Amino acid sequence: MKILYEDNHLIAVYKPANMLVQGDVTGDVCLMNEVKNFLKEKNKKPGNVFLGLIHRLDRPVQGIVLFAKTSKGASRLSEQFRQHTVEKIYHAVVSGTPPPCGTLVHWISKDETKNKVSIFNHACQGALRAELSYEVVKSRGKHSLVKIMLATGRPHQIRAQFSHIGHPIVGDTKYGGEKNRTVHLAATELSFVTATSEEHQKISTPIPFSLS
């Protein structure tokens, strides 16, 4: 397990693609249990280890996930996510060449039984507003590497929005992307205020894919 940041209240780790953040009915290995086991072994603690889930990544998506080691850390960071003051940056490889930069605003509604979202160009009942900004880092052939600044954090948001504008993410066949063993979407940077010191902390990780 790759630890990216740790203090007394928080721990950030790198989630591999196709791993669950939190356990579900499948019983598959999840990142949360892996981190709990790591902390239990590291601190030689008997019994259960507290670990607060602050945010999630979709199962196919890789990248930075932040957990709270204390209730204080969970409260402080959860509030920052609710207030949209956490800066979340992703990188993706998409099909085609989008305009050089832009802001996408749509409304998203999730079908829990199908684990898939529907996307709309206007507000409608049961749908949540979804916003992101992006810039094209590089284009080559049939693909583009894009940097994405997420303003909201809706389920499948980036995947659905880029599919909706005709530039699905490579490997994301659920939303029309071309077949590839990896969904080319990663959470590469997270900036927030620490739980106690009120200092700004930025965590970043290299972009895990490139244009071939």
N, C-alpha and C. Protein backbone atom coordinates (compact mmCIF):
# COMPACT_ATOMS: atom_id res chain seq x y z
N MET A 1 0.84 -1.20 0.00
CA MET A 1 0.00 0.00 0.00
C MET A 1 0.88 1.25 0.00
N LYS A 2 0.53 2.20 -0.84
CA LYS A 2 1.33 3.41 -0.98
C LYS A 2 0.75 4.53 -0.13
N ILE A 3 1.49 4.94 0.91
CA ILE A 3 1.07 6.03 1.79
C ILE A 3 1.60 7.34 1.20
N LEU A 4 0.71 8.29 0.98
CA LEU A 4 1.09 9.57 0.37
C LEU A 4 1.24 10.69 1.40
N TYR A 5 0.52 10.57 2.52
CA TYR A 5 0.56 11.61 3.56
C TYR A 5 -0.01 11.02 4.83
N GLU A 6 0.55 11.43 5.98
CA GLU A 6 -0.01 11.00 7.26
C GLU A 6 0.35 12.01 8.33
N ASP A 7 -0.64 12.36 9.15
CA ASP A 7 -0.39 13.12 10.37
C ASP A 7 -1.20 12.47 11.49
N ASN A 8 -1.37 13.17 12.61
CA ASN A 8 -2.06 12.55 13.75
C ASN A 8 -3.54 12.32 13.50
N HIS A 9 -4.11 13.04 12.53
CA HIS A 9 -5.56 12.97 12.31
C HIS A 9 -5.96 12.41 10.96
N LEU A 10 -5.05 12.41 9.98
CA LEU A 10 -5.40 12.06 8.61
C LEU A 10 -4.37 11.11 8.01
N ILE A 11 -4.83 10.35 7.03
CA ILE A 11 -3.91 9.54 6.23
C ILE A 11 -4.43 9.50 4.79
N ALA A 12 -3.53 9.72 3.85
CA ALA A 12 -3.88 9.66 2.43
C ALA A 12 -3.11 8.52 1.79
N VAL A 13 -3.82 7.72 1.01
CA VAL A 13 -3.20 6.57 0.35
C VAL A 13 -3.58 6.56 -1.13
N TYR A 14 -2.85 5.76 -1.89
CA TYR A 14 -3.13 5.64 -3.32
C TYR A 14 -4.01 4.42 -3.55
N LYS A 15 -5.19 4.65 -4.11
CA LYS A 15 -6.11 3.55 -4.41
C LYS A 15 -5.82 3.00 -5.80
N PRO A 16 -5.54 1.71 -5.92
CA PRO A 16 -5.37 1.14 -7.25
C PRO A 16 -6.70 1.11 -8.01
N ALA A 17 -6.62 1.08 -9.32
CA ALA A 17 -7.83 0.93 -10.13
C ALA A 17 -8.51 -0.40 -9.79
N ASN A 18 -9.84 -0.37 -9.81
CA ASN A 18 -10.69 -1.56 -9.61
C ASN A 18 -10.74 -2.08 -8.17
N MET A 19 -10.24 -1.29 -7.22
CA MET A 19 -10.41 -1.64 -5.81
C MET A 19 -11.51 -0.78 -5.22
N LEU A 20 -12.37 -1.40 -4.40
CA LEU A 20 -13.40 -0.65 -3.69
C LEU A 20 -12.76 0.24 -2.63
N VAL A 21 -13.34 1.42 -2.41
CA VAL A 21 -12.92 2.24 -1.27
C VAL A 21 -13.48 1.65 0.01
N GLN A 22 -14.76 1.29 -0.01
CA GLN A 22 -15.45 0.74 1.16
C GLN A 22 -16.08 -0.59 0.77
N GLY A 23 -16.13 -1.53 1.70
CA GLY A 23 -16.68 -2.84 1.41
C GLY A 23 -18.14 -2.80 0.99
N ASP A 24 -18.55 -3.76 0.18
CA ASP A 24 -19.95 -3.86 -0.24
C ASP A 24 -20.37 -5.32 -0.25
N VAL A 25 -21.52 -5.62 -0.86
CA VAL A 25 -22.07 -6.97 -0.83
C VAL A 25 -21.21 -7.98 -1.57
N THR A 26 -20.31 -7.52 -2.43
CA THR A 26 -19.45 -8.45 -3.17
C THR A 26 -18.45 -9.15 -2.26
N GLY A 27 -18.12 -8.50 -1.14
CA GLY A 27 -17.11 -9.05 -0.25
C GLY A 27 -15.70 -8.91 -0.77
N ASP A 28 -15.52 -8.13 -1.84
CA ASP A 28 -14.19 -7.93 -2.40
C ASP A 28 -13.31 -7.11 -1.46
N VAL A 29 -12.01 -7.26 -1.62
CA VAL A 29 -11.05 -6.49 -0.81
C VAL A 29 -11.31 -5.00 -1.01
N CYS A 30 -11.29 -4.25 0.09
CA CYS A 30 -11.52 -2.81 0.00
C CYS A 30 -10.36 -2.04 0.64
N LEU A 31 -10.18 -0.82 0.16
CA LEU A 31 -9.07 0.01 0.62
C LEU A 31 -9.20 0.35 2.10
N MET A 32 -10.40 0.58 2.56
CA MET A 32 -10.61 0.98 3.95
C MET A 32 -10.09 -0.09 4.92
N ASN A 33 -10.38 -1.34 4.63
CA ASN A 33 -9.88 -2.42 5.50
C ASN A 33 -8.37 -2.56 5.41
N GLU A 34 -7.82 -2.32 4.22
CA GLU A 34 -6.37 -2.38 4.06
C GLU A 34 -5.69 -1.32 4.92
N VAL A 35 -6.27 -0.12 4.94
CA VAL A 35 -5.68 0.97 5.74
C VAL A 35 -5.84 0.68 7.23
N LYS A 36 -7.00 0.17 7.63
CA LYS A 36 -7.20 -0.20 9.03
C LYS A 36 -6.16 -1.23 9.48
N ASN A 37 -5.94 -2.23 8.66
CA ASN A 37 -4.96 -3.26 9.01
C ASN A 37 -3.55 -2.68 9.10
N PHE A 38 -3.25 -1.75 8.20
CA PHE A 38 -1.94 -1.10 8.22
C PHE A 38 -1.74 -0.33 9.52
N LEU A 39 -2.76 0.46 9.91
CA LEU A 39 -2.65 1.27 11.13
C LEU A 39 -2.60 0.40 12.38
N LYS A 40 -3.38 -0.67 12.36
CA LYS A 40 -3.38 -1.58 13.52
C LYS A 40 -2.01 -2.20 13.72
N GLU A 41 -1.40 -2.63 12.63
CA GLU A 41 -0.08 -3.24 12.71
C GLU A 41 0.99 -2.21 13.07
N LYS A 42 0.89 -1.03 12.47
CA LYS A 42 1.88 0.02 12.71
C LYS A 42 1.88 0.48 14.16
N ASN A 43 0.68 0.67 14.70
CA ASN A 43 0.55 1.21 16.06
C ASN A 43 0.42 0.12 17.12
N LYS A 44 0.44 -1.14 16.70
CA LYS A 44 0.34 -2.28 17.62
C LYS A 44 -0.89 -2.14 18.52
N LYS A 45 -2.03 -1.81 17.90
CA LYS A 45 -3.26 -1.56 18.66
C LYS A 45 -4.12 -2.82 18.72
N PRO A 46 -4.58 -3.18 19.92
CA PRO A 46 -5.55 -4.27 20.02
C PRO A 46 -6.95 -3.74 19.68
N GLY A 47 -7.83 -4.62 19.26
CA GLY A 47 -9.20 -4.20 18.99
C GLY A 47 -9.35 -3.44 17.69
N ASN A 48 -10.49 -2.77 17.57
CA ASN A 48 -10.82 -2.07 16.34
C ASN A 48 -10.06 -0.75 16.21
N VAL A 49 -9.79 -0.38 14.98
CA VAL A 49 -9.12 0.89 14.66
C VAL A 49 -10.14 1.84 14.07
N PHE A 50 -10.18 3.08 14.57
CA PHE A 50 -11.08 4.09 13.99
C PHE A 50 -10.52 4.55 12.65
N LEU A 51 -11.38 4.58 11.64
CA LEU A 51 -11.00 5.14 10.35
C LEU A 51 -12.24 5.75 9.72
N GLY A 52 -12.20 7.06 9.53
CA GLY A 52 -13.36 7.78 9.00
C GLY A 52 -13.29 7.91 7.48
N LEU A 53 -14.39 7.56 6.82
CA LEU A 53 -14.49 7.70 5.37
C LEU A 53 -14.94 9.12 5.05
N ILE A 54 -14.09 9.88 4.37
CA ILE A 54 -14.37 11.29 4.09
C ILE A 54 -14.92 11.50 2.69
N HIS A 55 -14.39 10.75 1.74
CA HIS A 55 -14.84 10.86 0.35
C HIS A 55 -14.55 9.53 -0.33
N ARG A 56 -14.97 9.39 -1.58
CA ARG A 56 -14.80 8.13 -2.30
C ARG A 56 -14.26 8.39 -3.71
N LEU A 57 -13.76 7.33 -4.31
CA LEU A 57 -13.50 7.29 -5.74
C LEU A 57 -14.30 6.12 -6.31
N ASP A 58 -14.80 6.27 -7.53
CA ASP A 58 -15.45 5.15 -8.20
C ASP A 58 -14.49 3.97 -8.26
N ARG A 59 -15.03 2.77 -8.25
CA ARG A 59 -14.19 1.57 -8.24
C ARG A 59 -13.15 1.53 -9.36
N PRO A 60 -13.48 1.89 -10.61
CA PRO A 60 -12.47 1.80 -11.68
C PRO A 60 -11.40 2.89 -11.62
N VAL A 61 -11.62 3.91 -10.79
CA VAL A 61 -10.74 5.08 -10.77
C VAL A 61 -9.61 4.87 -9.77
N GLN A 62 -8.41 5.27 -10.15
CA GLN A 62 -7.27 5.19 -9.23
C GLN A 62 -6.90 6.58 -8.72
N GLY A 63 -6.09 6.60 -7.66
CA GLY A 63 -5.60 7.88 -7.19
C GLY A 63 -5.73 8.10 -5.70
N ILE A 64 -5.66 9.36 -5.30
CA ILE A 64 -5.56 9.76 -3.89
C ILE A 64 -6.90 9.61 -3.17
N VAL A 65 -6.87 8.93 -2.04
CA VAL A 65 -8.03 8.85 -1.15
C VAL A 65 -7.58 9.25 0.25
N LEU A 66 -8.36 10.13 0.88
CA LEU A 66 -8.04 10.65 2.20
C LEU A 66 -8.98 10.05 3.24
N PHE A 67 -8.41 9.53 4.32
CA PHE A 67 -9.18 8.99 5.44
C PHE A 67 -8.85 9.77 6.71
N ALA A 68 -9.79 9.73 7.67
CA ALA A 68 -9.56 10.35 8.98
C ALA A 68 -9.19 9.27 10.00
N LYS A 69 -8.16 9.55 10.79
CA LYS A 69 -7.73 8.63 11.85
C LYS A 69 -8.40 8.95 13.18
N THR A 70 -9.02 10.14 13.28
CA THR A 70 -9.70 10.56 14.50
C THR A 70 -11.05 11.18 14.14
N SER A 71 -11.94 11.26 15.13
CA SER A 71 -13.24 11.88 14.90
C SER A 71 -13.09 13.37 14.60
N LYS A 72 -12.10 14.01 15.20
CA LYS A 72 -11.85 15.42 14.92
C LYS A 72 -11.43 15.61 13.47
N GLY A 73 -10.54 14.76 13.00
CA GLY A 73 -10.13 14.83 11.60
C GLY A 73 -11.30 14.59 10.66
N ALA A 74 -12.15 13.63 11.00
CA ALA A 74 -13.32 13.33 10.17
C ALA A 74 -14.26 14.52 10.08
N SER A 75 -14.51 15.15 11.23
CA SER A 75 -15.42 16.30 11.26
C SER A 75 -14.88 17.48 10.46
N ARG A 76 -13.61 17.82 10.68
CA ARG A 76 -13.01 18.98 10.00
C ARG A 76 -12.95 18.79 8.48
N LEU A 77 -12.52 17.63 8.06
CA LEU A 77 -12.35 17.40 6.62
C LEU A 77 -13.68 17.17 5.92
N SER A 78 -14.61 16.50 6.59
CA SER A 78 -15.94 16.30 5.98
C SER A 78 -16.62 17.63 5.73
N GLU A 79 -16.43 18.58 6.65
CA GLU A 79 -17.01 19.91 6.47
C GLU A 79 -16.38 20.61 5.27
N GLN A 80 -15.09 20.47 5.08
CA GLN A 80 -14.44 21.08 3.92
C GLN A 80 -14.96 20.49 2.61
N PHE A 81 -15.20 19.20 2.59
CA PHE A 81 -15.77 18.59 1.39
C PHE A 81 -17.19 19.08 1.16
N ARG A 82 -17.97 19.22 2.24
CA ARG A 82 -19.35 19.72 2.10
C ARG A 82 -19.37 21.15 1.58
N GLN A 83 -18.41 21.96 2.02
CA GLN A 83 -18.35 23.36 1.60
C GLN A 83 -17.63 23.54 0.27
N HIS A 84 -17.18 22.46 -0.32
CA HIS A 84 -16.47 22.49 -1.62
C HIS A 84 -15.21 23.36 -1.57
N THR A 85 -14.51 23.34 -0.42
CA THR A 85 -13.27 24.10 -0.30
C THR A 85 -12.03 23.22 -0.54
N VAL A 86 -12.23 21.93 -0.67
CA VAL A 86 -11.13 21.03 -1.00
C VAL A 86 -10.90 21.09 -2.51
N GLU A 87 -9.66 21.31 -2.91
CA GLU A 87 -9.35 21.36 -4.34
C GLU A 87 -9.02 19.96 -4.82
N LYS A 88 -9.80 19.49 -5.80
CA LYS A 88 -9.65 18.12 -6.31
C LYS A 88 -9.26 18.18 -7.78
N ILE A 89 -8.13 17.61 -8.11
CA ILE A 89 -7.66 17.61 -9.50
C ILE A 89 -7.49 16.17 -9.98
N TYR A 90 -7.98 15.93 -11.17
CA TYR A 90 -7.88 14.62 -11.81
C TYR A 90 -7.19 14.78 -13.16
N HIS A 91 -6.68 13.68 -13.67
CA HIS A 91 -6.21 13.62 -15.06
C HIS A 91 -6.87 12.43 -15.73
N ALA A 92 -7.19 12.61 -17.00
CA ALA A 92 -7.84 11.55 -17.77
C ALA A 92 -7.35 11.56 -19.20
N VAL A 93 -7.39 10.40 -19.83
CA VAL A 93 -7.19 10.31 -21.27
C VAL A 93 -8.55 10.06 -21.90
N VAL A 94 -8.95 10.94 -22.81
CA VAL A 94 -10.26 10.86 -23.44
C VAL A 94 -10.10 10.65 -24.94
N SER A 95 -11.16 10.18 -25.56
CA SER A 95 -11.17 10.02 -27.01
C SER A 95 -11.39 11.37 -27.68
N GLY A 96 -10.70 11.59 -28.78
CA GLY A 96 -10.87 12.83 -29.53
C GLY A 96 -10.13 14.00 -28.91
N THR A 97 -10.46 15.19 -29.41
CA THR A 97 -9.82 16.42 -28.94
C THR A 97 -10.89 17.42 -28.52
N PRO A 98 -11.13 17.58 -27.21
CA PRO A 98 -12.09 18.59 -26.75
C PRO A 98 -11.55 19.99 -27.03
N PRO A 99 -12.39 21.03 -26.91
CA PRO A 99 -11.88 22.40 -26.95
C PRO A 99 -10.77 22.57 -25.91
N PRO A 100 -9.83 23.49 -26.13
CA PRO A 100 -8.64 23.60 -25.27
C PRO A 100 -8.93 23.71 -23.78
N CYS A 101 -10.02 24.37 -23.42
CA CYS A 101 -10.41 24.47 -22.01
C CYS A 101 -11.90 24.74 -21.95
N GLY A 102 -12.48 24.55 -20.77
CA GLY A 102 -13.91 24.80 -20.66
C GLY A 102 -14.43 24.45 -19.28
N THR A 103 -15.69 24.80 -19.06
CA THR A 103 -16.42 24.45 -17.84
C THR A 103 -17.67 23.68 -18.26
N LEU A 104 -17.87 22.53 -17.64
CA LEU A 104 -19.04 21.71 -17.94
C LEU A 104 -20.00 21.76 -16.76
N VAL A 105 -21.26 22.07 -17.06
CA VAL A 105 -22.31 22.09 -16.04
C VAL A 105 -23.47 21.23 -16.54
N HIS A 106 -23.79 20.20 -15.79
CA HIS A 106 -24.91 19.33 -16.12
C HIS A 106 -25.64 18.96 -14.83
N TRP A 107 -26.69 18.16 -14.98
CA TRP A 107 -27.41 17.62 -13.83
C TRP A 107 -27.40 16.11 -13.94
N ILE A 108 -27.12 15.46 -12.81
CA ILE A 108 -26.88 14.01 -12.79
C ILE A 108 -27.86 13.31 -11.86
N SER A 109 -28.39 12.19 -12.34
CA SER A 109 -29.27 11.36 -11.53
C SER A 109 -28.76 9.92 -11.59
N LYS A 110 -28.60 9.28 -10.44
CA LYS A 110 -28.03 7.92 -10.41
C LYS A 110 -29.10 6.86 -10.22
N ASP A 111 -29.03 5.82 -11.04
CA ASP A 111 -29.85 4.63 -10.88
C ASP A 111 -29.03 3.63 -10.07
N GLU A 112 -29.38 3.46 -8.80
CA GLU A 112 -28.59 2.61 -7.91
C GLU A 112 -28.62 1.15 -8.33
N THR A 113 -29.74 0.70 -8.91
CA THR A 113 -29.84 -0.71 -9.30
C THR A 113 -28.91 -1.04 -10.46
N LYS A 114 -28.74 -0.08 -11.38
CA LYS A 114 -27.85 -0.29 -12.53
C LYS A 114 -26.44 0.24 -12.29
N ASN A 115 -26.27 0.97 -11.18
CA ASN A 115 -24.99 1.62 -10.87
C ASN A 115 -24.50 2.45 -12.06
N LYS A 116 -25.40 3.28 -12.56
CA LYS A 116 -25.09 4.13 -13.71
C LYS A 116 -25.88 5.42 -13.58
N VAL A 117 -25.32 6.52 -14.09
CA VAL A 117 -26.02 7.80 -13.98
C VAL A 117 -26.58 8.22 -15.33
N SER A 118 -27.64 9.03 -15.25
CA SER A 118 -28.18 9.73 -16.41
C SER A 118 -27.79 11.19 -16.28
N ILE A 119 -27.58 11.85 -17.40
CA ILE A 119 -27.08 13.22 -17.38
C ILE A 119 -27.99 14.11 -18.21
N PHE A 120 -28.24 15.33 -17.71
CA PHE A 120 -29.17 16.26 -18.34
C PHE A 120 -28.52 17.62 -18.49
N ASN A 121 -28.97 18.35 -19.51
CA ASN A 121 -28.44 19.70 -19.77
C ASN A 121 -29.15 20.77 -18.95
N HIS A 122 -30.19 20.39 -18.22
CA HIS A 122 -30.97 21.37 -17.46
C HIS A 122 -31.40 20.75 -16.14
N ALA A 123 -31.79 21.58 -15.21
CA ALA A 123 -32.24 21.09 -13.91
C ALA A 123 -33.52 20.28 -14.07
N CYS A 124 -33.59 19.17 -13.34
CA CYS A 124 -34.80 18.37 -13.36
C CYS A 124 -34.92 17.64 -12.02
N GLN A 125 -36.12 17.17 -11.73
CA GLN A 125 -36.40 16.59 -10.42
C GLN A 125 -35.52 15.36 -10.16
N GLY A 126 -34.91 15.34 -8.99
CA GLY A 126 -34.10 14.20 -8.59
C GLY A 126 -32.67 14.23 -9.09
N ALA A 127 -32.32 15.22 -9.90
CA ALA A 127 -30.96 15.30 -10.44
C ALA A 127 -30.16 16.37 -9.69
N LEU A 128 -28.88 16.13 -9.50
CA LEU A 128 -28.00 17.05 -8.78
C LEU A 128 -27.08 17.78 -9.74
N ARG A 129 -26.83 19.05 -9.45
CA ARG A 129 -25.96 19.85 -10.31
C ARG A 129 -24.52 19.33 -10.24
N ALA A 130 -23.89 19.23 -11.39
CA ALA A 130 -22.51 18.74 -11.48
C ALA A 130 -21.69 19.73 -12.30
N GLU A 131 -20.56 20.16 -11.74
CA GLU A 131 -19.73 21.15 -12.42
C GLU A 131 -18.25 20.77 -12.34
N LEU A 132 -17.57 20.95 -13.45
CA LEU A 132 -16.12 20.79 -13.49
C LEU A 132 -15.53 21.74 -14.52
N SER A 133 -14.26 22.03 -14.37
CA SER A 133 -13.50 22.76 -15.38
C SER A 133 -12.36 21.87 -15.85
N TYR A 134 -11.90 22.11 -17.06
CA TYR A 134 -10.82 21.27 -17.57
C TYR A 134 -9.93 22.06 -18.52
N GLU A 135 -8.76 21.53 -18.76
CA GLU A 135 -7.89 22.05 -19.80
C GLU A 135 -7.18 20.88 -20.47
N VAL A 136 -7.01 20.97 -21.77
CA VAL A 136 -6.32 19.92 -22.51
C VAL A 136 -4.81 20.11 -22.32
N VAL A 137 -4.16 19.09 -21.78
CA VAL A 137 -2.71 19.14 -21.56
C VAL A 137 -1.96 18.81 -22.84
N LYS A 138 -2.47 17.81 -23.56
CA LYS A 138 -1.78 17.35 -24.76
C LYS A 138 -2.74 16.51 -25.59
N SER A 139 -2.64 16.62 -26.90
CA SER A 139 -3.40 15.76 -27.81
C SER A 139 -2.44 15.05 -28.74
N ARG A 140 -2.76 13.80 -29.02
CA ARG A 140 -1.95 13.04 -29.97
C ARG A 140 -2.85 11.99 -30.63
N GLY A 141 -2.91 12.02 -31.94
CA GLY A 141 -3.74 11.05 -32.65
C GLY A 141 -5.19 11.17 -32.25
N LYS A 142 -5.75 10.06 -31.78
CA LYS A 142 -7.17 10.00 -31.45
C LYS A 142 -7.47 10.28 -29.98
N HIS A 143 -6.46 10.68 -29.21
CA HIS A 143 -6.66 10.84 -27.77
C HIS A 143 -6.11 12.16 -27.24
N SER A 144 -6.65 12.57 -26.10
CA SER A 144 -6.18 13.78 -25.42
C SER A 144 -6.02 13.51 -23.93
N LEU A 145 -4.97 14.08 -23.35
CA LEU A 145 -4.78 14.07 -21.90
C LEU A 145 -5.36 15.36 -21.36
N VAL A 146 -6.29 15.26 -20.42
CA VAL A 146 -6.94 16.45 -19.87
C VAL A 146 -6.73 16.53 -18.36
N LYS A 147 -6.57 17.76 -17.88
CA LYS A 147 -6.51 18.05 -16.46
C LYS A 147 -7.89 18.56 -16.05
N ILE A 148 -8.43 17.99 -14.97
CA ILE A 148 -9.81 18.27 -14.58
C ILE A 148 -9.84 18.83 -13.17
N MET A 149 -10.50 19.98 -13.01
CA MET A 149 -10.69 20.60 -11.70
C MET A 149 -12.15 20.40 -11.31
N LEU A 150 -12.37 19.59 -10.30
CA LEU A 150 -13.72 19.19 -9.92
C LEU A 150 -14.32 20.18 -8.93
N ALA A 151 -15.46 20.77 -9.29
CA ALA A 151 -16.14 21.71 -8.39
C ALA A 151 -17.14 21.00 -7.49
N THR A 152 -17.78 19.95 -8.01
CA THR A 152 -18.69 19.12 -7.21
C THR A 152 -18.17 17.69 -7.25
N GLY A 153 -18.77 16.83 -6.48
CA GLY A 153 -18.29 15.45 -6.42
C GLY A 153 -19.41 14.45 -6.55
N ARG A 154 -20.08 14.46 -7.69
CA ARG A 154 -21.21 13.56 -7.91
C ARG A 154 -20.73 12.17 -8.36
N PRO A 155 -21.54 11.14 -8.12
CA PRO A 155 -21.16 9.81 -8.59
C PRO A 155 -20.94 9.78 -10.10
N HIS A 156 -19.84 9.19 -10.51
CA HIS A 156 -19.51 9.00 -11.93
C HIS A 156 -19.48 10.32 -12.71
N GLN A 157 -19.30 11.42 -12.00
CA GLN A 157 -19.45 12.74 -12.64
C GLN A 157 -18.54 12.96 -13.84
N ILE A 158 -17.23 12.82 -13.63
CA ILE A 158 -16.28 13.09 -14.72
C ILE A 158 -16.54 12.15 -15.88
N ARG A 159 -16.76 10.89 -15.57
CA ARG A 159 -16.97 9.88 -16.60
C ARG A 159 -18.21 10.21 -17.44
N ALA A 160 -19.29 10.57 -16.78
CA ALA A 160 -20.54 10.86 -17.48
C ALA A 160 -20.48 12.17 -18.26
N GLN A 161 -19.86 13.19 -17.67
CA GLN A 161 -19.83 14.49 -18.34
C GLN A 161 -18.98 14.46 -19.61
N PHE A 162 -17.83 13.82 -19.55
CA PHE A 162 -17.01 13.76 -20.77
C PHE A 162 -17.64 12.87 -21.83
N SER A 163 -18.32 11.82 -21.41
CA SER A 163 -19.06 11.00 -22.37
C SER A 163 -20.17 11.82 -23.03
N HIS A 164 -20.83 12.64 -22.23
CA HIS A 164 -21.96 13.44 -22.72
C HIS A 164 -21.54 14.44 -23.79
N ILE A 165 -20.32 14.96 -23.69
CA ILE A 165 -19.86 15.93 -24.69
C ILE A 165 -19.11 15.26 -25.85
N GLY A 166 -19.16 13.93 -25.88
CA GLY A 166 -18.59 13.21 -27.02
C GLY A 166 -17.13 12.84 -26.89
N HIS A 167 -16.60 12.89 -25.66
CA HIS A 167 -15.20 12.55 -25.43
C HIS A 167 -15.08 11.60 -24.24
N PRO A 168 -15.59 10.37 -24.39
CA PRO A 168 -15.55 9.42 -23.26
C PRO A 168 -14.13 9.06 -22.86
N ILE A 169 -13.99 8.66 -21.61
CA ILE A 169 -12.68 8.29 -21.08
C ILE A 169 -12.26 6.92 -21.61
N VAL A 170 -11.03 6.82 -22.03
CA VAL A 170 -10.49 5.56 -22.55
C VAL A 170 -10.62 4.47 -21.48
N GLY A 171 -11.16 3.33 -21.86
CA GLY A 171 -11.34 2.21 -20.95
C GLY A 171 -12.66 2.19 -20.21
N ASP A 172 -13.41 3.28 -20.27
CA ASP A 172 -14.66 3.37 -19.51
C ASP A 172 -15.83 2.93 -20.40
N THR A 173 -15.94 1.63 -20.62
CA THR A 173 -16.96 1.11 -21.53
C THR A 173 -18.38 1.36 -21.01
N LYS A 174 -18.54 1.52 -19.71
CA LYS A 174 -19.87 1.81 -19.15
C LYS A 174 -20.43 3.09 -19.73
N TYR A 175 -19.56 4.05 -20.02
CA TYR A 175 -20.01 5.34 -20.55
C TYR A 175 -19.49 5.59 -21.97
N GLY A 176 -19.35 4.51 -22.73
CA GLY A 176 -19.06 4.65 -24.15
C GLY A 176 -17.59 4.74 -24.52
N GLY A 177 -16.70 4.53 -23.57
CA GLY A 177 -15.27 4.60 -23.86
C GLY A 177 -14.77 3.37 -24.59
N GLU A 178 -13.70 3.54 -25.34
CA GLU A 178 -13.12 2.40 -26.06
C GLU A 178 -12.53 1.40 -25.07
N LYS A 179 -12.49 0.15 -25.48
CA LYS A 179 -12.02 -0.91 -24.60
C LYS A 179 -10.53 -0.75 -24.28
N ASN A 180 -10.24 -0.92 -23.01
CA ASN A 180 -8.87 -0.91 -22.51
C ASN A 180 -8.91 -1.56 -21.14
N ARG A 181 -7.85 -2.20 -20.72
CA ARG A 181 -7.89 -2.89 -19.43
C ARG A 181 -7.96 -1.94 -18.24
N THR A 182 -7.66 -0.65 -18.47
CA THR A 182 -7.68 0.34 -17.40
C THR A 182 -8.54 1.53 -17.80
N VAL A 183 -9.40 1.98 -16.87
CA VAL A 183 -10.10 3.25 -17.05
C VAL A 183 -9.08 4.36 -16.82
N HIS A 184 -8.87 5.18 -17.82
CA HIS A 184 -7.79 6.19 -17.77
C HIS A 184 -8.25 7.47 -17.06
N LEU A 185 -8.55 7.32 -15.78
CA LEU A 185 -8.96 8.44 -14.93
C LEU A 185 -8.31 8.27 -13.57
N ALA A 186 -7.63 9.32 -13.09
CA ALA A 186 -6.93 9.24 -11.80
C ALA A 186 -7.07 10.54 -11.03
N ALA A 187 -7.27 10.40 -9.71
CA ALA A 187 -7.25 11.55 -8.80
C ALA A 187 -5.80 11.84 -8.46
N THR A 188 -5.26 12.93 -8.98
CA THR A 188 -3.82 13.18 -8.91
C THR A 188 -3.41 14.27 -7.92
N GLU A 189 -4.36 15.06 -7.44
CA GLU A 189 -3.99 16.13 -6.50
C GLU A 189 -5.17 16.46 -5.59
N LEU A 190 -4.85 16.70 -4.32
CA LEU A 190 -5.85 17.05 -3.31
C LEU A 190 -5.26 18.12 -2.42
N SER A 191 -5.96 19.24 -2.27
CA SER A 191 -5.49 20.33 -1.40
C SER A 191 -6.56 20.65 -0.38
N PHE A 192 -6.15 20.79 0.89
CA PHE A 192 -7.10 20.98 1.98
C PHE A 192 -6.40 21.67 3.14
N VAL A 193 -7.18 22.04 4.15
CA VAL A 193 -6.63 22.60 5.38
C VAL A 193 -6.55 21.48 6.41
N THR A 194 -5.40 21.34 7.05
CA THR A 194 -5.22 20.25 8.01
C THR A 194 -6.16 20.40 9.20
N ALA A 195 -6.37 19.30 9.91
CA ALA A 195 -7.39 19.25 10.96
C ALA A 195 -7.09 20.14 12.15
N THR A 196 -5.81 20.38 12.47
CA THR A 196 -5.48 21.13 13.68
C THR A 196 -4.66 22.39 13.43
N SER A 197 -3.73 22.34 12.50
CA SER A 197 -2.80 23.47 12.34
C SER A 197 -3.35 24.59 11.47
N GLU A 198 -4.46 24.32 10.76
CA GLU A 198 -5.04 25.30 9.84
C GLU A 198 -4.10 25.64 8.69
N GLU A 199 -3.11 24.81 8.46
CA GLU A 199 -2.21 25.01 7.33
C GLU A 199 -2.75 24.31 6.09
N HIS A 200 -2.46 24.90 4.94
CA HIS A 200 -2.86 24.27 3.68
C HIS A 200 -1.89 23.14 3.35
N GLN A 201 -2.46 22.01 2.98
CA GLN A 201 -1.67 20.84 2.62
C GLN A 201 -2.04 20.39 1.21
N LYS A 202 -1.05 20.17 0.38
CA LYS A 202 -1.30 19.67 -0.97
C LYS A 202 -0.64 18.30 -1.13
N ILE A 203 -1.42 17.34 -1.58
CA ILE A 203 -0.92 16.00 -1.87
C ILE A 203 -1.02 15.79 -3.37
N SER A 204 0.06 15.33 -3.97
CA SER A 204 0.01 15.08 -5.41
C SER A 204 0.73 13.78 -5.72
N THR A 205 0.39 13.23 -6.86
CA THR A 205 0.99 11.97 -7.31
C THR A 205 1.17 12.04 -8.82
N PRO A 206 2.16 11.36 -9.37
CA PRO A 206 2.38 11.44 -10.82
C PRO A 206 1.18 10.94 -11.62
N ILE A 207 1.01 11.49 -12.80
CA ILE A 207 -0.04 11.02 -13.71
C ILE A 207 0.32 9.60 -14.14
N PRO A 208 -0.57 8.62 -13.94
CA PRO A 208 -0.19 7.22 -14.15
C PRO A 208 -0.27 6.73 -15.59
N PHE A 209 -0.68 7.59 -16.52
CA PHE A 209 -0.75 7.17 -17.91
C PHE A 209 -0.36 8.33 -18.82
N SER A 210 -0.01 7.99 -20.05
CA SER A 210 0.42 9.00 -21.01
C SER A 210 -0.17 8.68 -22.37
N LEU A 211 0.01 9.58 -23.30
CA LEU A 211 -0.47 9.35 -24.66
C LEU A 211 0.57 8.55 -25.43
N SER A 212 0.13 7.46 -26.03
CA SER A 212 1.07 6.63 -26.79
C SER A 212 0.93 6.90 -28.28
